[in-house]
N, C-alpha and C. Protein backbone atom coordinates (compact mmCIF):
# COMPACT_ATOMS: atom_id res chain seq x y z
N MET A 1 4.71 13.94 32.34
CA MET A 1 4.21 12.72 31.72
C MET A 1 3.38 13.04 30.48
N GLU A 2 2.44 13.99 30.62
CA GLU A 2 1.59 14.37 29.50
C GLU A 2 2.42 14.99 28.37
N ARG A 3 3.41 15.78 28.73
CA ARG A 3 4.27 16.41 27.74
C ARG A 3 5.05 15.36 26.95
N ALA A 4 5.52 14.33 27.62
CA ALA A 4 6.27 13.26 26.96
C ALA A 4 5.37 12.50 25.99
N ARG A 5 4.14 12.26 26.39
CA ARG A 5 3.20 11.54 25.52
C ARG A 5 2.87 12.39 24.29
N ALA A 6 2.68 13.69 24.47
CA ALA A 6 2.40 14.58 23.35
C ALA A 6 3.58 14.63 22.39
N ALA A 7 4.79 14.67 22.93
CA ALA A 7 5.98 14.68 22.09
C ALA A 7 6.11 13.38 21.31
N ALA A 8 5.79 12.27 21.94
CA ALA A 8 5.87 10.97 21.27
C ALA A 8 4.84 10.88 20.15
N GLN A 9 3.65 11.40 20.38
CA GLN A 9 2.61 11.38 19.34
C GLN A 9 3.03 12.26 18.16
N GLN A 10 3.60 13.42 18.46
CA GLN A 10 4.03 14.32 17.40
C GLN A 10 5.14 13.69 16.59
N ALA A 11 6.08 13.03 17.26
CA ALA A 11 7.19 12.38 16.57
C ALA A 11 6.69 11.24 15.69
N ALA A 12 5.63 10.58 16.11
CA ALA A 12 5.10 9.45 15.35
C ALA A 12 4.37 9.89 14.09
N THR A 13 3.86 11.12 14.08
CA THR A 13 3.08 11.57 12.93
C THR A 13 3.84 12.51 12.01
N GLU A 14 4.97 13.04 12.42
CA GLU A 14 5.74 13.97 11.61
C GLU A 14 6.99 13.30 11.06
N PRO A 15 7.32 13.57 9.81
CA PRO A 15 8.54 13.02 9.24
C PRO A 15 9.77 13.57 9.95
N ALA A 16 10.82 12.77 10.05
CA ALA A 16 12.04 13.17 10.75
C ALA A 16 12.89 14.10 9.89
N ASP A 17 12.96 13.88 8.59
CA ASP A 17 13.77 14.68 7.68
C ASP A 17 13.20 16.09 7.60
N SER A 18 14.07 17.11 7.67
CA SER A 18 13.58 18.49 7.68
C SER A 18 12.85 18.85 6.38
N GLY A 19 13.31 18.32 5.23
CA GLY A 19 12.61 18.56 3.98
C GLY A 19 11.24 17.93 3.96
N LEU A 20 11.16 16.74 4.49
CA LEU A 20 9.87 16.07 4.57
C LEU A 20 8.96 16.76 5.58
N LYS A 21 9.56 17.28 6.64
CA LYS A 21 8.76 17.97 7.65
C LYS A 21 8.11 19.21 7.04
N ALA A 22 8.85 19.95 6.23
CA ALA A 22 8.29 21.13 5.58
C ALA A 22 7.16 20.73 4.63
N SER A 23 7.34 19.65 3.90
CA SER A 23 6.29 19.16 2.99
C SER A 23 5.07 18.72 3.78
N HIS A 24 5.31 18.07 4.89
CA HIS A 24 4.20 17.61 5.75
C HIS A 24 3.42 18.81 6.28
N GLU A 25 4.14 19.84 6.73
CA GLU A 25 3.47 21.03 7.25
C GLU A 25 2.63 21.70 6.18
N LEU A 26 3.12 21.73 4.96
CA LEU A 26 2.35 22.30 3.86
C LEU A 26 1.13 21.44 3.56
N ALA A 27 1.32 20.13 3.54
CA ALA A 27 0.25 19.20 3.18
C ALA A 27 -0.92 19.23 4.14
N ILE A 28 -0.70 19.62 5.39
CA ILE A 28 -1.80 19.63 6.36
C ILE A 28 -2.41 21.03 6.52
N THR A 29 -1.92 22.00 5.72
CA THR A 29 -2.47 23.35 5.76
C THR A 29 -3.84 23.35 5.08
N PRO A 30 -4.89 23.82 5.77
CA PRO A 30 -6.24 23.78 5.18
C PRO A 30 -6.34 24.46 3.81
N SER A 31 -5.68 25.58 3.61
CA SER A 31 -5.79 26.26 2.31
C SER A 31 -5.14 25.43 1.20
N PHE A 32 -4.07 24.71 1.51
CA PHE A 32 -3.43 23.85 0.52
C PHE A 32 -4.34 22.68 0.18
N ILE A 33 -4.98 22.11 1.17
CA ILE A 33 -5.90 20.99 0.94
C ILE A 33 -7.03 21.42 0.02
N VAL A 34 -7.57 22.61 0.23
CA VAL A 34 -8.63 23.13 -0.63
C VAL A 34 -8.13 23.30 -2.06
N ARG A 35 -6.91 23.81 -2.24
CA ARG A 35 -6.35 24.00 -3.57
C ARG A 35 -6.17 22.66 -4.29
N VAL A 36 -5.70 21.65 -3.58
CA VAL A 36 -5.49 20.34 -4.19
C VAL A 36 -6.83 19.71 -4.56
N ARG A 37 -7.80 19.81 -3.67
CA ARG A 37 -9.13 19.27 -3.98
C ARG A 37 -9.74 19.96 -5.19
N SER A 38 -9.60 21.28 -5.26
CA SER A 38 -10.14 22.03 -6.40
C SER A 38 -9.48 21.59 -7.70
N ALA A 39 -8.18 21.38 -7.67
CA ALA A 39 -7.47 20.93 -8.88
C ALA A 39 -7.93 19.54 -9.29
N ALA A 40 -8.17 18.66 -8.32
CA ALA A 40 -8.62 17.31 -8.63
C ALA A 40 -10.02 17.33 -9.26
N VAL A 41 -10.89 18.15 -8.71
CA VAL A 41 -12.25 18.26 -9.26
C VAL A 41 -12.21 18.85 -10.66
N LYS A 42 -11.40 19.87 -10.86
CA LYS A 42 -11.28 20.50 -12.18
C LYS A 42 -10.79 19.48 -13.20
N SER A 43 -9.83 18.67 -12.83
CA SER A 43 -9.31 17.63 -13.73
C SER A 43 -10.37 16.58 -14.02
N ALA A 44 -11.12 16.19 -13.01
CA ALA A 44 -12.17 15.18 -13.20
C ALA A 44 -13.25 15.69 -14.15
N ILE A 45 -13.59 16.96 -14.03
CA ILE A 45 -14.58 17.56 -14.93
C ILE A 45 -14.04 17.58 -16.35
N SER A 46 -12.78 17.88 -16.50
CA SER A 46 -12.15 17.90 -17.83
C SER A 46 -12.18 16.52 -18.46
N VAL A 47 -11.89 15.48 -17.68
CA VAL A 47 -11.91 14.11 -18.19
C VAL A 47 -13.33 13.73 -18.60
N ALA A 48 -14.31 14.11 -17.79
CA ALA A 48 -15.70 13.77 -18.11
C ALA A 48 -16.16 14.43 -19.40
N ALA A 49 -15.58 15.58 -19.73
CA ALA A 49 -15.98 16.32 -20.93
C ALA A 49 -15.23 15.89 -22.18
N GLU A 50 -14.19 15.08 -22.03
CA GLU A 50 -13.40 14.72 -23.20
C GLU A 50 -14.12 13.69 -24.07
N ASP A 51 -13.67 13.58 -25.30
CA ASP A 51 -14.24 12.65 -26.27
C ASP A 51 -13.99 11.21 -25.82
N VAL A 52 -14.99 10.35 -26.00
CA VAL A 52 -14.85 8.95 -25.58
C VAL A 52 -13.79 8.22 -26.40
N ALA A 53 -13.40 8.79 -27.53
CA ALA A 53 -12.36 8.17 -28.36
C ALA A 53 -10.95 8.49 -27.86
N THR A 54 -10.84 9.33 -26.84
CA THR A 54 -9.53 9.68 -26.28
C THR A 54 -8.89 8.42 -25.70
N ALA A 55 -7.58 8.30 -25.91
CA ALA A 55 -6.86 7.13 -25.40
C ALA A 55 -7.05 6.98 -23.89
N ASN A 56 -7.33 5.77 -23.47
CA ASN A 56 -7.51 5.43 -22.04
C ASN A 56 -8.67 6.18 -21.38
N HIS A 57 -9.67 6.57 -22.16
CA HIS A 57 -10.78 7.34 -21.61
C HIS A 57 -11.53 6.56 -20.52
N ALA A 58 -11.77 5.28 -20.75
CA ALA A 58 -12.53 4.49 -19.77
C ALA A 58 -11.82 4.45 -18.42
N GLN A 59 -10.51 4.23 -18.45
CA GLN A 59 -9.74 4.19 -17.20
C GLN A 59 -9.72 5.57 -16.54
N ARG A 60 -9.58 6.60 -17.37
CA ARG A 60 -9.56 7.96 -16.82
C ARG A 60 -10.90 8.33 -16.22
N MET A 61 -11.99 7.91 -16.85
CA MET A 61 -13.32 8.17 -16.29
C MET A 61 -13.52 7.42 -14.97
N ASN A 62 -12.98 6.22 -14.90
CA ASN A 62 -13.08 5.47 -13.66
C ASN A 62 -12.38 6.24 -12.52
N LEU A 63 -11.19 6.73 -12.79
CA LEU A 63 -10.47 7.51 -11.78
C LEU A 63 -11.18 8.83 -11.48
N ALA A 64 -11.69 9.49 -12.52
CA ALA A 64 -12.38 10.76 -12.32
C ALA A 64 -13.63 10.58 -11.46
N GLY A 65 -14.27 9.46 -11.60
CA GLY A 65 -15.46 9.18 -10.81
C GLY A 65 -15.17 8.97 -9.33
N GLN A 66 -13.93 8.74 -9.00
CA GLN A 66 -13.56 8.54 -7.60
C GLN A 66 -13.23 9.85 -6.87
N VAL A 67 -13.21 10.94 -7.63
CA VAL A 67 -12.87 12.24 -7.02
C VAL A 67 -14.03 12.79 -6.25
């Protein structure tokens, strides 16, 4: 009974397609999460440092502030 419930939970959270499953497995890897977060922070810092005359700066700053 417990095994069936665990299998059902796993099936509900994992993509069925094998390509998507591989992407899902990568996306939940702690080291990958750290790399993505680091890239997001680096980009946000870059946006904050850019000239206010840059096209769409206000919108980009709004998004950067959410990181």
